[in-house]
Protein backbone atom coordinates (compact mmCIF):
# COMPACT_ATOMS: atom_id res chain seq x y z
CA MET A 1 72.24 71.51 124.60
CA ASN A 2 74.97 70.98 121.97
CA GLY A 3 72.12 71.47 119.04
CA ARG A 4 72.41 75.06 120.68
CA ARG A 5 76.17 75.30 120.42
CA LEU A 6 76.30 73.95 117.34
CA LEU A 7 73.43 76.48 116.20
CA GLY A 8 75.31 79.37 117.82
CA GLY A 9 78.85 78.51 116.56
CA ALA A 10 76.71 78.50 113.27
CA PHE A 11 75.52 81.86 113.52
CA LEU A 12 78.81 83.21 114.68
CA ALA A 13 80.62 81.47 111.65
CA CYS A 14 77.71 83.45 109.24
CA ALA A 15 77.96 86.85 110.95
CA LEU A 16 82.02 87.27 110.49
CA VAL A 17 81.39 85.83 106.79
CA VAL A 18 78.85 88.91 106.55
CA ALA A 19 81.15 91.30 108.57
CA ASP A 20 84.17 90.17 105.91
CA ALA A 21 81.60 90.75 103.05
CA ARG A 22 80.77 94.06 103.92
CA ALA A 23 84.20 95.61 104.48
CA THR A 24 85.74 97.39 101.73
CA THR A 25 89.07 98.72 100.86
CA ILE A 26 89.74 102.82 100.28
CA THR A 27 92.72 103.77 98.80
CA LEU A 28 94.83 107.00 99.02
CA VAL A 29 96.21 108.35 95.46
CA ASN A 30 98.89 110.78 96.41
CA MET A 31 98.49 113.55 94.31
CA ASP A 32 101.17 115.74 95.87
CA GLY A 33 104.80 116.55 94.52
CA SER A 34 108.06 115.69 95.31
CA GLY A 35 108.65 117.13 98.86
CA GLU A 36 105.32 118.87 99.57
CA GLY A 37 102.37 117.23 101.40
CA PHE A 38 102.30 113.23 101.65
CA ASN A 39 105.88 113.62 100.67
CA ASP A 40 107.26 116.12 102.58
CA PRO A 41 110.71 114.81 104.37
CA SER A 42 110.75 117.32 107.66
CA PHE A 43 112.09 115.60 110.37
CA ARG A 44 109.16 115.03 113.39
CA ALA A 45 109.15 113.37 116.46
CA PRO A 46 106.46 110.68 116.57
CA VAL A 47 103.69 112.08 118.39
CA GLY A 48 100.32 110.52 120.03
CA GLY A 49 100.61 107.10 118.85
CA ASN A 50 101.99 108.32 115.02
CA THR A 51 105.05 106.69 114.73
CA GLY A 52 105.95 108.39 111.62
CA THR A 53 109.22 110.75 111.81
CA THR A 54 108.64 113.34 109.19
CA LEU A 55 105.60 115.24 108.43
CA GLY A 56 104.72 113.62 105.52
CA GLN A 57 104.64 109.89 106.69
CA GLN A 58 102.72 111.28 109.72
CA ARG A 59 99.77 113.04 107.05
CA LEU A 60 100.16 109.52 105.74
CA ILE A 61 99.20 107.64 108.95
CA VAL A 62 96.57 110.18 110.15
CA PHE A 63 94.82 109.27 106.58
CA GLN A 64 95.34 105.46 107.15
CA ARG A 65 94.22 105.80 110.46
CA ALA A 66 90.76 107.59 108.91
CA PHE A 67 90.62 105.17 105.77
CA GLU A 68 90.35 102.22 108.41
CA THR A 69 88.13 103.64 110.31
CA TRP A 70 85.78 104.42 107.18
CA GLU A 71 86.71 100.90 105.93
CA ALA A 72 84.69 99.50 108.53
CA LEU A 73 81.55 101.38 108.09
CA ILE A 74 81.12 101.20 104.57
CA GLU A 75 79.72 98.66 102.18
CA SER A 76 80.79 98.16 99.13
CA SER A 77 82.65 95.53 96.92
CA VAL A 78 84.32 98.12 94.85
CA ALA A 79 87.41 99.35 96.27
CA ILE A 80 87.19 103.28 97.31
CA ARG A 81 89.96 105.43 95.38
CA VAL A 82 90.64 109.01 97.19
CA GLY A 83 92.94 111.15 95.45
CA ALA A 84 94.07 113.77 97.93
CA GLN A 85 96.58 116.43 98.39
CA PHE A 86 98.24 119.40 101.12
CA THR A 87 98.30 122.55 99.38
CA PRO A 88 97.88 126.49 100.82
CA LEU A 89 94.33 127.03 101.15
CA SER A 90 92.92 129.91 102.23
CA CYS A 91 94.30 131.27 105.87
CA ASN A 92 94.69 134.38 107.64
CA GLY A 93 94.69 135.24 111.16
CA MET A 94 90.89 135.19 111.91
CA SER A 95 89.54 132.22 109.32
CA ALA A 96 91.24 129.00 107.65
CA LEU A 97 90.00 126.72 105.26
CA LEU A 98 91.04 123.37 106.97
CA GLY A 99 90.20 121.20 103.72
CA SER A 100 87.04 120.05 101.59
CA ALA A 101 86.46 116.61 99.71
CA GLY A 102 83.91 115.39 98.08
CA PRO A 103 83.10 112.83 94.69
CA GLU A 104 85.16 113.42 91.87
CA THR A 105 81.76 112.56 89.38
CA VAL A 106 78.05 111.39 89.71
CA PHE A 107 76.54 108.48 87.20
CA ARG A 108 72.40 107.89 87.47
CA ASP A 109 70.66 105.43 85.13
CA PHE A 110 73.38 102.66 85.39
CA THR A 111 72.41 98.98 85.98
CA GLY A 112 71.43 98.67 89.91
CA ALA A 113 70.45 102.39 90.39
CA PRO A 114 67.31 101.99 92.75
CA HIS A 115 65.63 105.15 91.43
CA PRO A 116 65.44 106.29 87.71
CA ASN A 117 66.82 109.70 86.65
CA THR A 118 68.31 109.92 90.21
CA TRP A 119 72.56 111.14 90.57
CA TYR A 120 74.39 108.79 92.61
CA PRO A 121 78.00 109.97 94.01
CA VAL A 122 80.40 107.42 91.82
CA ALA A 123 81.26 105.79 94.99
CA LEU A 124 78.13 104.93 95.88
CA ALA A 125 77.24 104.33 92.13
CA ASN A 126 79.97 101.60 92.42
CA SER A 127 79.17 99.92 95.24
CA LEU A 128 74.95 99.98 94.21
CA ALA A 129 76.47 98.79 90.37
CA GLY A 130 78.84 95.84 91.81
CA VAL A 131 81.71 97.06 89.46
CA ASP A 132 83.47 100.51 89.01
CA LEU A 133 81.72 102.66 86.73
CA ASP A 134 84.72 105.07 86.41
CA PRO A 135 87.68 102.65 85.92
CA GLY A 136 91.21 104.49 87.14
CA GLY A 137 89.52 107.47 87.91
CA ASP A 138 89.49 109.15 91.73
CA ASP A 139 86.00 108.71 93.46
CA VAL A 140 86.73 111.27 95.79
CA GLY A 141 88.85 114.35 95.50
CA ALA A 142 90.15 115.90 98.93
CA VAL A 143 92.25 118.77 99.49
CA PHE A 144 94.11 119.96 103.08
CA SER A 145 95.76 123.02 104.18
CA SER A 146 99.61 122.61 104.22
CA ASN A 147 100.06 126.25 105.22
CA LEU A 148 97.96 125.96 109.03
CA ASP A 149 101.31 124.47 110.08
CA ASP A 150 103.04 127.63 109.28
CA GLY A 151 100.85 129.70 111.88
CA CYS A 152 98.59 131.56 109.57
CA LEU A 153 95.41 130.79 111.84
CA SER A 154 96.02 133.03 114.98
CA GLY A 155 96.30 130.99 118.00
CA VAL A 156 96.80 127.95 116.26
CA SER A 157 100.42 126.64 115.53
CA GLY A 158 99.09 124.10 113.36
CA TRP A 159 97.50 120.20 112.95
CA TYR A 160 98.07 117.65 115.28
CA TYR A 161 99.32 114.82 113.75
CA GLY A 162 98.28 112.34 116.56
CA LEU A 163 96.14 109.07 116.68
CA ASP A 164 95.16 109.49 120.26
CA GLY A 165 92.10 112.44 120.15
CA ASN A 166 94.28 114.52 123.11
CA ALA A 167 95.26 117.27 119.97
CA PRO A 168 97.00 120.32 122.78
CA THR A 169 96.17 123.54 123.04
CA GLY A 170 96.44 126.19 119.64
CA GLN A 171 96.45 122.84 117.38
CA ILE A 172 93.47 121.29 115.32
CA GLU A 173 93.41 117.79 114.72
CA LEU A 174 93.93 116.60 111.55
CA LEU A 175 92.31 112.93 112.27
CA ALA A 176 89.25 114.24 113.03
CA THR A 177 88.87 116.74 110.37
CA VAL A 178 89.64 114.24 107.53
CA LEU A 179 86.93 111.36 109.43
CA HIS A 180 84.60 114.65 109.15
């Protein structure tokens, strides 16, 4: 019986070490200027578990929660940098571009690449290579609509900045959009 406990304890310790090794770090690189986007000082009451008291703080907290979710799922020893900003995007009464994100660059034929002549998005290439192939560069670029909060889309009053998944009617959940 003690052998089983010892073996079970050793297995649990190994599993925890592996779980720690799998985690990665995702860092937000704020691309917004003073007074806009993540730096918007407009007062907001905390909502849905988001404790921020300015629009910019609430946006940052939503992104941090999304990053924490992805960090738990992504296996990489190389940190991932996401250059993100809020900016006015296409929006009219009938349709709106909520946001977009994608790799800033791609690599092929690097040390650790599993297949020759195959392009890999930078974050994946970094993970496979075990080093940052583009030091100082952002791995992902992301832009999200700042004008959605201005009511540009018919029937939508803006983003929901809560973390609880309970967006009221007429608001679009930013967390779900960022995670997507």
